[in-house]
Amino acid sequence: MYNKKLRKTKDLKAASKLQIYKSIIRPAVTYGCETGAMTVTEKIRLLVFERRVLRKIYGPTLGNDGTWRIKTNENLEILIKKKIL
Protein backbone atom coordinates (compact mmCIF):
# COMPACT_ATOMS: atom_id res chain seq x y z
CA MET A 1 0.00 0.00 0.00
CA TYR A 2 0.97 3.62 -0.45
CA ASN A 3 3.51 4.60 2.17
CA LYS A 4 2.34 7.59 4.24
CA LYS A 5 5.94 8.63 4.88
CA LEU A 6 6.47 8.99 1.13
CA ARG A 7 3.45 11.29 0.91
CA LYS A 8 4.65 13.52 3.74
CA THR A 9 8.38 13.65 3.00
CA LYS A 10 9.88 17.01 2.18
CA ASP A 11 12.68 15.40 0.14
CA LEU A 12 10.43 14.79 -2.88
CA LYS A 13 8.84 17.64 -4.81
CA ALA A 14 5.11 17.71 -5.48
CA ALA A 15 5.69 16.86 -9.14
CA SER A 16 7.50 13.64 -8.19
CA LYS A 17 4.81 12.68 -5.70
CA LEU A 18 2.15 13.39 -8.31
CA GLN A 19 3.94 11.16 -10.81
CA ILE A 20 4.10 8.33 -8.25
CA TYR A 21 0.40 8.77 -7.58
CA LYS A 22 -0.51 8.71 -11.28
CA SER A 23 1.68 5.75 -12.19
CA ILE A 24 1.36 3.45 -9.16
CA ILE A 25 -1.39 4.40 -6.74
CA ARG A 26 -4.26 5.37 -9.03
CA PRO A 27 -4.00 2.19 -11.17
CA ALA A 28 -3.84 0.01 -8.05
CA VAL A 29 -6.89 1.66 -6.50
CA THR A 30 -8.98 1.58 -9.67
CA TYR A 31 -8.04 -2.00 -10.62
CA GLY A 32 -10.97 -3.47 -8.71
CA CYS A 33 -13.41 -1.09 -10.37
CA GLU A 34 -12.64 -2.49 -13.82
CA THR A 35 -14.29 -5.84 -13.16
CA GLY A 36 -17.84 -4.59 -12.69
CA ALA A 37 -20.17 -1.65 -12.96
CA MET A 38 -19.24 1.22 -10.67
CA THR A 39 -21.97 2.56 -8.42
CA VAL A 40 -22.41 6.24 -7.63
CA THR A 41 -21.21 5.62 -4.08
CA GLU A 42 -18.00 3.98 -5.30
CA LYS A 43 -17.36 6.84 -7.71
CA ILE A 44 -17.79 9.40 -4.92
CA ARG A 45 -15.44 7.43 -2.66
CA LEU A 46 -12.77 7.33 -5.36
CA LEU A 47 -13.06 11.09 -5.89
CA VAL A 48 -12.79 11.71 -2.15
CA PHE A 49 -9.72 9.45 -1.96
CA GLU A 50 -8.09 11.26 -4.88
CA ARG A 51 -8.72 14.68 -3.34
CA ARG A 52 -7.33 13.50 -0.01
CA VAL A 53 -4.12 12.26 -1.66
CA LEU A 54 -3.76 15.47 -3.69
CA ARG A 55 -4.21 17.59 -0.57
CA LYS A 56 -1.41 15.62 1.12
CA ILE A 57 0.82 16.04 -1.93
CA TYR A 58 0.33 19.78 -2.34
CA GLY A 59 0.08 20.63 1.36
CA PRO A 60 -1.81 23.46 3.05
CA THR A 61 -2.44 26.98 1.77
CA LEU A 62 -1.68 30.20 3.59
CA GLY A 63 -4.92 32.16 3.83
CA ASN A 64 -5.38 35.92 3.50
CA ASP A 65 -5.60 36.28 7.27
CA GLY A 66 -2.28 34.47 7.83
CA THR A 67 -3.75 31.13 8.90
CA TRP A 68 -3.06 27.79 7.25
CA ARG A 69 -5.93 25.81 5.74
CA ILE A 70 -6.41 22.81 3.47
CA LYS A 71 -6.81 23.42 -0.23
CA THR A 72 -10.35 23.64 -1.55
CA ASN A 73 -11.61 21.52 -4.43
CA GLU A 74 -11.31 24.59 -6.67
CA ASN A 75 -7.65 25.03 -5.71
CA LEU A 76 -6.99 21.37 -6.49
CA GLU A 77 -8.72 21.65 -9.87
CA ILE A 78 -6.49 24.59 -10.79
CA LEU A 79 -3.37 22.64 -9.79
CA ILE A 80 -4.57 19.56 -11.68
CA LYS A 81 -5.15 21.58 -14.85
CA LYS A 82 -1.64 23.02 -14.60
CA LYS A 83 -0.09 19.54 -14.23
CA ILE A 84 -2.59 17.81 -16.56
CA LEU A 85 -3.39 15.01 -14.12
PDB file of N, CA and C in Angstrom:
ATOM      1  N   MET A   1       0.845  -1.188   0.000  1.00  0.00           N
ATOM      2  CA  MET A   1       0.000   0.000   0.000  1.00  0.00           C
ATOM      3  C   MET A   1       0.884   1.244   0.000  1.00  0.00           C
ATOM      4  N   TYR A   2       0.283   2.339  -0.326  1.00  0.00           N
ATOM      5  CA  TYR A   2       0.974   3.619  -0.450  1.00  0.00           C
ATOM      6  C   TYR A   2       1.544   4.032   0.894  1.00  0.00           C
ATOM      7  N   ASN A   3       2.825   4.259   0.943  1.00  0.00           N
ATOM      8  CA  ASN A   3       3.514   4.600   2.171  1.00  0.00           C
ATOM      9  C   ASN A   3       3.204   6.046   2.568  1.00  0.00           C
ATOM     10  N   LYS A   4       2.687   6.246   3.770  1.00  0.00           N
ATOM     11  CA  LYS A   4       2.340   7.590   4.241  1.00  0.00           C
ATOM     12  C   LYS A   4       3.582   8.459   4.399  1.00  0.00           C
ATOM     13  N   LYS A   5       4.713   7.854   4.738  1.00  0.00           N
ATOM     14  CA  LYS A   5       5.943   8.625   4.877  1.00  0.00           C
ATOM     15  C   LYS A   5       6.356   9.228   3.542  1.00  0.00           C
ATOM     16  N   LEU A   6       6.132   8.496   2.464  1.00  0.00           N
ATOM     17  CA  LEU A   6       6.467   8.989   1.131  1.00  0.00           C
ATOM     18  C   LEU A   6       5.617  10.205   0.789  1.00  0.00           C
ATOM     19  N   ARG A   7       4.356  10.179   1.183  1.00  0.00           N
ATOM     20  CA  ARG A   7       3.453  11.290   0.910  1.00  0.00           C
ATOM     21  C   ARG A   7       3.848  12.541   1.665  1.00  0.00           C
ATOM     22  N   LYS A   8       4.373  12.383   2.875  1.00  0.00           N
ATOM     23  CA  LYS A   8       4.650  13.520   3.742  1.00  0.00           C
ATOM     24  C   LYS A   8       6.097  14.007   3.678  1.00  0.00           C
ATOM     25  N   THR A   9       6.963  13.268   3.014  1.00  0.00           N
ATOM     26  CA  THR A   9       8.378  13.648   3.002  1.00  0.00           C
ATOM     27  C   THR A   9       8.588  14.969   2.284  1.00  0.00           C
ATOM     28  N   LYS A  10       9.534  15.727   2.781  1.00  0.00           N
ATOM     29  CA  LYS A  10       9.876  17.012   2.175  1.00  0.00           C
ATOM     30  C   LYS A  10      10.985  16.848   1.142  1.00  0.00           C
ATOM     31  N   ASP A  11      11.576  15.641   1.065  1.00  0.00           N
ATOM     32  CA  ASP A  11      12.680  15.398   0.141  1.00  0.00           C
ATOM     33  C   ASP A  11      12.214  15.308  -1.313  1.00  0.00           C
ATOM     34  N   LEU A  12      10.977  14.891  -1.529  1.00  0.00           N
ATOM     35  CA  LEU A  12      10.426  14.793  -2.880  1.00  0.00           C
ATOM     36  C   LEU A  12       9.579  16.015  -3.188  1.00  0.00           C
ATOM     37  N   LYS A  13       9.676  16.506  -4.394  1.00  0.00           N
ATOM     38  CA  LYS A  13       8.844  17.638  -4.808  1.00  0.00           C
ATOM     39  C   LYS A  13       7.444  17.129  -5.146  1.00  0.00           C
ATOM     40  N   ALA A  14       6.504  18.060  -5.187  1.00  0.00           N
ATOM     41  CA  ALA A  14       5.109  17.714  -5.476  1.00  0.00           C
ATOM     42  C   ALA A  14       4.981  17.042  -6.834  1.00  0.00           C
ATOM     43  N   ALA A  15       5.769  17.465  -7.811  1.00  0.00           N
ATOM     44  CA  ALA A  15       5.693  16.862  -9.145  1.00  0.00           C
ATOM     45  C   ALA A  15       6.082  15.387  -9.102  1.00  0.00           C
ATOM     46  N   SER A  16       7.085  15.034  -8.314  1.00  0.00           N
ATOM     47  CA  SER A  16       7.504  13.638  -8.188  1.00  0.00           C
ATOM     48  C   SER A  16       6.441  12.817  -7.479  1.00  0.00           C
ATOM     49  N   LYS A  17       5.872  13.375  -6.427  1.00  0.00           N
ATOM     50  CA  LYS A  17       4.811  12.681  -5.700  1.00  0.00           C
ATOM     51  C   LYS A  17       3.592  12.480  -6.586  1.00  0.00           C
ATOM     52  N   LEU A  18       3.280  13.486  -7.397  1.00  0.00           N
ATOM     53  CA  LEU A  18       2.151  13.385  -8.308  1.00  0.00           C
ATOM     54  C   LEU A  18       2.393  12.294  -9.349  1.00  0.00           C
ATOM     55  N   GLN A  19       3.608  12.193  -9.843  1.00  0.00           N
ATOM     56  CA  GLN A  19       3.942  11.156 -10.815  1.00  0.00           C
ATOM     57  C   GLN A  19       3.818   9.769 -10.194  1.00  0.00           C
ATOM     58  N   ILE A  20       4.258   9.608  -8.953  1.00  0.00           N
ATOM     59  CA  ILE A  20       4.103   8.334  -8.248  1.00  0.00           C
ATOM     60  C   ILE A  20       2.629   8.004  -8.093  1.00  0.00           C
ATOM     61  N   TYR A  21       1.837   8.988  -7.733  1.00  0.00           N
ATOM     62  CA  TYR A  21       0.397   8.765  -7.580  1.00  0.00           C
ATOM     63  C   TYR A  21      -0.237   8.315  -8.892  1.00  0.00           C
ATOM     64  N   LYS A  22       0.097   9.018  -9.981  1.00  0.00           N
ATOM     65  CA  LYS A  22      -0.511   8.711 -11.282  1.00  0.00           C
ATOM     66  C   LYS A  22      -0.070   7.357 -11.818  1.00  0.00           C
ATOM     67  N   SER A  23       1.160   6.964 -11.582  1.00  0.00           N
ATOM     68  CA  SER A  23       1.675   5.746 -12.189  1.00  0.00           C
ATOM     69  C   SER A  23       1.507   4.493 -11.341  1.00  0.00           C
ATOM     70  N   ILE A  24       1.430   4.630 -10.022  1.00  0.00           N
ATOM     71  CA  ILE A  24       1.364   3.452  -9.158  1.00  0.00           C
ATOM     72  C   ILE A  24       0.062   3.376  -8.370  1.00  0.00           C
ATOM     73  N   ILE A  25      -0.278   4.446  -7.687  1.00  0.00           N
ATOM     74  CA  ILE A  25      -1.386   4.397  -6.739  1.00  0.00           C
ATOM     75  C   ILE A  25      -2.738   4.382  -7.429  1.00  0.00           C
ATOM     76  N   ARG A  26      -2.962   5.302  -8.354  1.00  0.00           N
ATOM     77  CA  ARG A  26      -4.259   5.370  -9.028  1.00  0.00           C
ATOM     78  C   ARG A  26      -4.592   4.059  -9.747  1.00  0.00           C
ATOM     79  N   PRO A  27      -3.668   3.467 -10.522  1.00  0.00           N
ATOM     80  CA  PRO A  27      -4.003   2.191 -11.168  1.00  0.00           C
ATOM     81  C   PRO A  27      -4.314   1.076 -10.173  1.00  0.00           C
ATOM     82  N   ALA A  28      -3.585   1.041  -9.050  1.00  0.00           N
ATOM     83  CA  ALA A  28      -3.838   0.009  -8.049  1.00  0.00           C
ATOM     84  C   ALA A  28      -5.210   0.172  -7.410  1.00  0.00           C
ATOM     85  N   VAL A  29      -5.602   1.404  -7.138  1.00  0.00           N
ATOM     86  CA  VAL A  29      -6.891   1.665  -6.501  1.00  0.00           C
ATOM     87  C   VAL A  29      -8.048   1.385  -7.461  1.00  0.00           C
ATOM     88  N   THR A  30      -7.890   1.744  -8.712  1.00  0.00           N
ATOM     89  CA  THR A  30      -8.984   1.585  -9.674  1.00  0.00           C
ATOM     90  C   THR A  30      -9.036   0.194 -10.307  1.00  0.00           C
ATOM     91  N   TYR A  31      -8.069  -0.661 -10.024  1.00  0.00           N
ATOM     92  CA  TYR A  31      -8.040  -1.997 -10.617  1.00  0.00           C
ATOM     93  C   TYR A  31      -9.316  -2.777 -10.319  1.00  0.00           C
ATOM     94  N   GLY A  32      -9.770  -2.735  -9.092  1.00  0.00           N
ATOM     95  CA  GLY A  32     -10.969  -3.466  -8.708  1.00  0.00           C
ATOM     96  C   GLY A  32     -12.234  -2.935  -9.357  1.00  0.00           C
ATOM     97  N   CYS A  33     -12.223  -1.689  -9.755  1.00  0.00           N
ATOM     98  CA  CYS A  33     -13.406  -1.088 -10.373  1.00  0.00           C
ATOM     99  C   CYS A  33     -13.585  -1.524 -11.817  1.00  0.00           C
ATOM    100  N   GLU A  34     -12.566  -2.098 -12.418  1.00  0.00           N
ATOM    101  CA  GLU A  34     -12.640  -2.487 -13.817  1.00  0.00           C
ATOM    102  C   GLU A  34     -13.449  -3.762 -14.039  1.00  0.00           C
ATOM    103  N   THR A  35     -13.639  -4.547 -12.994  1.00  0.00           N
ATOM    104  CA  THR A  35     -14.291  -5.837 -13.164  1.00  0.00           C
ATOM    105  C   THR A  35     -15.804  -5.757 -13.192  1.00  0.00           C
ATOM    106  N   GLY A  36     -16.392  -4.695 -12.717  1.00  0.00           N
ATOM    107  CA  GLY A  36     -17.845  -4.587 -12.688  1.00  0.00           C
ATOM    108  C   GLY A  36     -18.309  -3.160 -12.857  1.00  0.00           C
ATOM    109  N   ALA A  37     -19.605  -2.994 -12.829  1.00  0.00           N
ATOM    110  CA  ALA A  37     -20.171  -1.652 -12.958  1.00  0.00           C
ATOM    111  C   ALA A  37     -19.935  -0.875 -11.664  1.00  0.00           C
ATOM    112  N   MET A  38     -19.529   0.369 -11.817  1.00  0.00           N
ATOM    113  CA  MET A  38     -19.242   1.218 -10.666  1.00  0.00           C
ATOM    114  C   MET A  38     -20.518   1.926 -10.232  1.00  0.00           C
ATOM    115  N   THR A  39     -20.808   1.862  -8.945  1.00  0.00           N
ATOM    116  CA  THR A  39     -21.972   2.560  -8.421  1.00  0.00           C
ATOM    117  C   THR A  39     -21.613   4.020  -8.153  1.00  0.00           C
ATOM    118  N   VAL A  40     -22.626   4.814  -7.922  1.00  0.00           N
ATOM    119  CA  VAL A  40     -22.409   6.236  -7.627  1.00  0.00           C
ATOM    120  C   VAL A  40     -21.613   6.387  -6.338  1.00  0.00           C
ATOM    121  N   THR A  41     -21.916   5.560  -5.355  1.00  0.00           N
ATOM    122  CA  THR A  41     -21.209   5.623  -4.078  1.00  0.00           C
ATOM    123  C   THR A  41     -19.725   5.320  -4.260  1.00  0.00           C
ATOM    124  N   GLU A  42     -19.401   4.315  -5.050  1.00  0.00           N
ATOM    125  CA  GLU A  42     -17.999   3.981  -5.299  1.00  0.00           C
ATOM    126  C   GLU A  42     -17.277   5.120  -6.020  1.00  0.00           C
ATOM    127  N   LYS A  43     -17.959   5.733  -6.971  1.00  0.00           N
ATOM    128  CA  LYS A  43     -17.361   6.837  -7.708  1.00  0.00           C
ATOM    129  C   LYS A  43     -17.063   8.005  -6.772  1.00  0.00           C
ATOM    130  N   ILE A  44     -17.988   8.319  -5.889  1.00  0.00           N
ATOM    131  CA  ILE A  44     -17.790   9.402  -4.921  1.00  0.00           C
ATOM    132  C   ILE A  44     -16.627   9.079  -3.997  1.00  0.00           C
ATOM    133  N   ARG A  45     -16.538   7.827  -3.543  1.00  0.00           N
ATOM    134  CA  ARG A  45     -15.436   7.434  -2.656  1.00  0.00           C
ATOM    135  C   ARG A  45     -14.088   7.544  -3.347  1.00  0.00           C
ATOM    136  N   LEU A  46     -14.028   7.192  -4.619  1.00  0.00           N
ATOM    137  CA  LEU A  46     -12.774   7.328  -5.364  1.00  0.00           C
ATOM    138  C   LEU A  46     -12.377   8.794  -5.518  1.00  0.00           C
ATOM    139  N   LEU A  47     -13.350   9.657  -5.775  1.00  0.00           N
ATOM    140  CA  LEU A  47     -13.063  11.089  -5.890  1.00  0.00           C
ATOM    141  C   LEU A  47     -12.583  11.673  -4.567  1.00  0.00           C
ATOM    142  N   VAL A  48     -13.197  11.243  -3.477  1.00  0.00           N
ATOM    143  CA  VAL A  48     -12.785  11.707  -2.146  1.00  0.00           C
ATOM    144  C   VAL A  48     -11.363  11.244  -1.845  1.00  0.00           C
ATOM    145  N   PHE A  49     -11.071   9.977  -2.170  1.00  0.00           N
ATOM    146  CA  PHE A  49      -9.720   9.451  -1.956  1.00  0.00           C
ATOM    147  C   PHE A  49      -8.700  10.249  -2.764  1.00  0.00           C
ATOM    148  N   GLU A  50      -9.023  10.521  -4.029  1.00  0.00           N
ATOM    149  CA  GLU A  50      -8.095  11.260  -4.878  1.00  0.00           C
ATOM    150  C   GLU A  50      -7.842  12.665  -4.333  1.00  0.00           C
ATOM    151  N   ARG A  51      -8.889  13.338  -3.906  1.00  0.00           N
ATOM    152  CA  ARG A  51      -8.717  14.682  -3.338  1.00  0.00           C
ATOM    153  C   ARG A  51      -7.876  14.640  -2.069  1.00  0.00           C
ATOM    154  N   ARG A  52      -8.091  13.619  -1.253  1.00  0.00           N
ATOM    155  CA  ARG A  52      -7.327  13.498  -0.010  1.00  0.00           C
ATOM    156  C   ARG A  52      -5.842  13.322  -0.315  1.00  0.00           C
ATOM    157  N   VAL A  53      -5.517  12.471  -1.285  1.00  0.00           N
ATOM    158  CA  VAL A  53      -4.117  12.262  -1.658  1.00  0.00           C
ATOM    159  C   VAL A  53      -3.525  13.540  -2.232  1.00  0.00           C
ATOM    160  N   LEU A  54      -4.268  14.230  -3.089  1.00  0.00           N
ATOM    161  CA  LEU A  54      -3.756  15.467  -3.692  1.00  0.00           C
ATOM    162  C   LEU A  54      -3.541  16.549  -2.643  1.00  0.00           C
ATOM    163  N   ARG A  55      -4.410  16.601  -1.639  1.00  0.00           N
ATOM    164  CA  ARG A  55      -4.213  17.587  -0.568  1.00  0.00           C
ATOM    165  C   ARG A  55      -2.943  17.285   0.217  1.00  0.00           C
ATOM    166  N   LYS A  56      -2.640  16.000   0.426  1.00  0.00           N
ATOM    167  CA  LYS A  56      -1.406  15.625   1.120  1.00  0.00           C
ATOM    168  C   LYS A  56      -0.188  15.959   0.264  1.00  0.00           C
ATOM    169  N   ILE A  57      -0.298  15.760  -1.045  1.00  0.00           N
ATOM    170  CA  ILE A  57       0.824  16.041  -1.932  1.00  0.00           C
ATOM    171  C   ILE A  57       1.132  17.528  -1.974  1.00  0.00           C
ATOM    172  N   TYR A  58       0.114  18.349  -2.164  1.00  0.00           N
ATOM    173  CA  TYR A  58       0.327  19.784  -2.335  1.00  0.00           C
ATOM    174  C   TYR A  58       0.407  20.556  -1.029  1.00  0.00           C
ATOM    175  N   GLY A  59      -0.036  19.980   0.067  1.00  0.00           N
ATOM    176  CA  GLY A  59       0.081  20.629   1.361  1.00  0.00           C
ATOM    177  C   GLY A  59      -0.935  21.743   1.576  1.00  0.00           C
ATOM    178  N   PRO A  60      -0.852  22.413   2.727  1.00  0.00           N
ATOM    179  CA  PRO A  60      -1.814  23.461   3.055  1.00  0.00           C
ATOM    180  C   PRO A  60      -1.547  24.762   2.308  1.00  0.00           C
ATOM    181  N   THR A  61      -2.520  25.666   2.404  1.00  0.00           N
ATOM    182  CA  THR A  61      -2.439  26.976   1.768  1.00  0.00           C
ATOM    183  C   THR A  61      -2.462  28.048   2.852  1.00  0.00           C
ATOM    184  N   LEU A  62      -1.668  29.070   2.667  1.00  0.00           N
ATOM    185  CA  LEU A  62      -1.676  30.197   3.588  1.00  0.00           C
ATOM    186  C   LEU A  62      -2.809  31.132   3.197  1.00  0.00           C
ATOM    187  N   GLY A  63      -3.755  31.328   4.105  1.00  0.00           N
ATOM    188  CA  GLY A  63      -4.916  32.165   3.828  1.00  0.00           C
ATOM    189  C   GLY A  63      -4.584  33.647   3.884  1.00  0.00           C
ATOM    190  N   ASN A  64      -5.561  34.462   3.490  1.00  0.00           N
ATOM    191  CA  ASN A  64      -5.383  35.920   3.497  1.00  0.00           C
ATOM    192  C   ASN A  64      -5.162  36.472   4.899  1.00  0.00           C
ATOM    193  N   ASP A  65      -5.734  35.811   5.895  1.00  0.00           N
ATOM    194  CA  ASP A  65      -5.597  36.283   7.269  1.00  0.00           C
ATOM    195  C   ASP A  65      -4.362  35.720   7.975  1.00  0.00           C
ATOM    196  N   GLY A  66      -3.509  34.994   7.252  1.00  0.00           N
ATOM    197  CA  GLY A  66      -2.280  34.469   7.826  1.00  0.00           C
ATOM    198  C   GLY A  66      -2.410  33.104   8.462  1.00  0.00           C
ATOM    199  N   THR A  67      -3.558  32.462   8.338  1.00  0.00           N
ATOM    200  CA  THR A  67      -3.747  31.132   8.899  1.00  0.00           C
ATOM    201  C   THR A  67      -3.601  30.088   7.796  1.00  0.00           C
ATOM    202  N   TRP A  68      -3.207  28.887   8.198  1.00  0.00           N
ATOM    203  CA  TRP A  68      -3.062  27.792   7.253  1.00  0.00           C
ATOM    204  C   TRP A  68      -4.372  27.029   7.154  1.00  0.00           C
ATOM    205  N   ARG A  69      -4.728  26.593   5.947  1.00  0.00           N
ATOM    206  CA  ARG A  69      -5.933  25.811   5.739  1.00  0.00           C
ATOM    207  C   ARG A  69      -5.685  24.801   4.629  1.00  0.00           C
ATOM    208  N   ILE A  70      -6.555  23.794   4.548  1.00  0.00           N
ATOM    209  CA  ILE A  70      -6.410  22.812   3.472  1.00  0.00           C
ATOM    210  C   ILE A  70      -6.891  23.434   2.167  1.00  0.00           C
ATOM    211  N   LYS A  71      -6.401  22.897   1.079  1.00  0.00           N
ATOM    212  CA  LYS A  71      -6.811  23.416  -0.233  1.00  0.00           C
ATOM    213  C   LYS A  71      -8.247  23.021  -0.532  1.00  0.00           C
ATOM    214  N   THR A  72      -8.972  23.923  -1.156  1.00  0.00           N
ATOM    215  CA  THR A  72     -10.346  23.636  -1.545  1.00  0.00           C
ATOM    216  C   THR A  72     -10.341  22.815  -2.832  1.00  0.00           C
ATOM    217  N   ASN A  73     -11.498  22.280  -3.180  1.00  0.00           N
ATOM    218  CA  ASN A  73     -11.614  21.524  -4.425  1.00  0.00           C
ATOM    219  C   ASN A  73     -11.270  22.400  -5.623  1.00  0.00           C
ATOM    220  N   GLU A  74     -11.619  23.671  -5.575  1.00  0.00           N
ATOM    221  CA  GLU A  74     -11.315  24.588  -6.669  1.00  0.00           C
ATOM    222  C   GLU A  74      -9.803  24.783  -6.812  1.00  0.00           C
ATOM    223  N   ASN A  75      -9.103  24.914  -5.669  1.00  0.00           N
ATOM    224  CA  ASN A  75      -7.646  25.029  -5.706  1.00  0.00           C
ATOM    225  C   ASN A  75      -7.014  23.781  -6.320  1.00  0.00           C
ATOM    226  N   LEU A  76      -7.526  22.613  -5.943  1.00  0.00           N
ATOM    227  CA  LEU A  76      -6.994  21.366  -6.486  1.00  0.00           C
ATOM    228  C   LEU A  76      -7.244  21.267  -7.983  1.00  0.00           C
ATOM    229  N   GLU A  77      -8.422  21.701  -8.430  1.00  0.00           N
ATOM    230  CA  GLU A  77      -8.724  21.653  -9.865  1.00  0.00           C
ATOM    231  C   GLU A  77      -7.766  22.540 -10.658  1.00  0.00           C
ATOM    232  N   ILE A  78      -7.439  23.697 -10.114  1.00  0.00           N
ATOM    233  CA  ILE A  78      -6.488  24.586 -10.787  1.00  0.00           C
ATOM    234  C   ILE A  78      -5.118  23.924 -10.882  1.00  0.00           C
ATOM    235  N   LEU A  79      -4.662  23.317  -9.788  1.00  0.00           N
ATOM    236  CA  LEU A  79      -3.369  22.639  -9.795  1.00  0.00           C
ATOM    237  C   LEU A  79      -3.370  21.443 -10.750  1.00  0.00           C
ATOM    238  N   ILE A  80      -4.463  20.724 -10.792  1.00  0.00           N
ATOM    239  CA  ILE A  80      -4.570  19.562 -11.680  1.00  0.00           C
ATOM    240  C   ILE A  80      -4.494  20.005 -13.137  1.00  0.00           C
ATOM    241  N   LYS A  81      -5.165  21.088 -13.471  1.00  0.00           N
ATOM    242  CA  LYS A  81      -5.154  21.575 -14.850  1.00  0.00           C
ATOM    243  C   LYS A  81      -3.761  22.030 -15.252  1.00  0.00           C
ATOM    244  N   LYS A  82      -3.006  22.600 -14.310  1.00  0.00           N
ATOM    245  CA  LYS A  82      -1.637  23.021 -14.599  1.00  0.00           C
ATOM    246  C   LYS A  82      -0.734  21.819 -14.871  1.00  0.00           C
ATOM    247  N   LYS A  83      -0.932  20.733 -14.110  1.00  0.00           N
ATOM    248  CA  LYS A  83      -0.091  19.541 -14.227  1.00  0.00           C
ATOM    249  C   LYS A  83      -0.673  18.512 -15.182  1.00  0.00           C
ATOM    250  N   ILE A  84      -1.882  18.733 -15.664  1.00  0.00           N
ATOM    251  CA  ILE A  84      -2.595  17.807 -16.560  1.00  0.00           C
ATOM    252  C   ILE A  84      -2.592  16.412 -15.964  1.00  0.00           C
ATOM    253  N   LEU A  85      -3.300  16.267 -14.863  1.00  0.00           N
ATOM    254  CA  LEU A  85      -3.388  15.014 -14.124  1.00  0.00           C
ATOM    255  C   LEU A  85      -4.127  13.980 -14.860  1.00  0.00           C
TER     256      LEU A  85
END
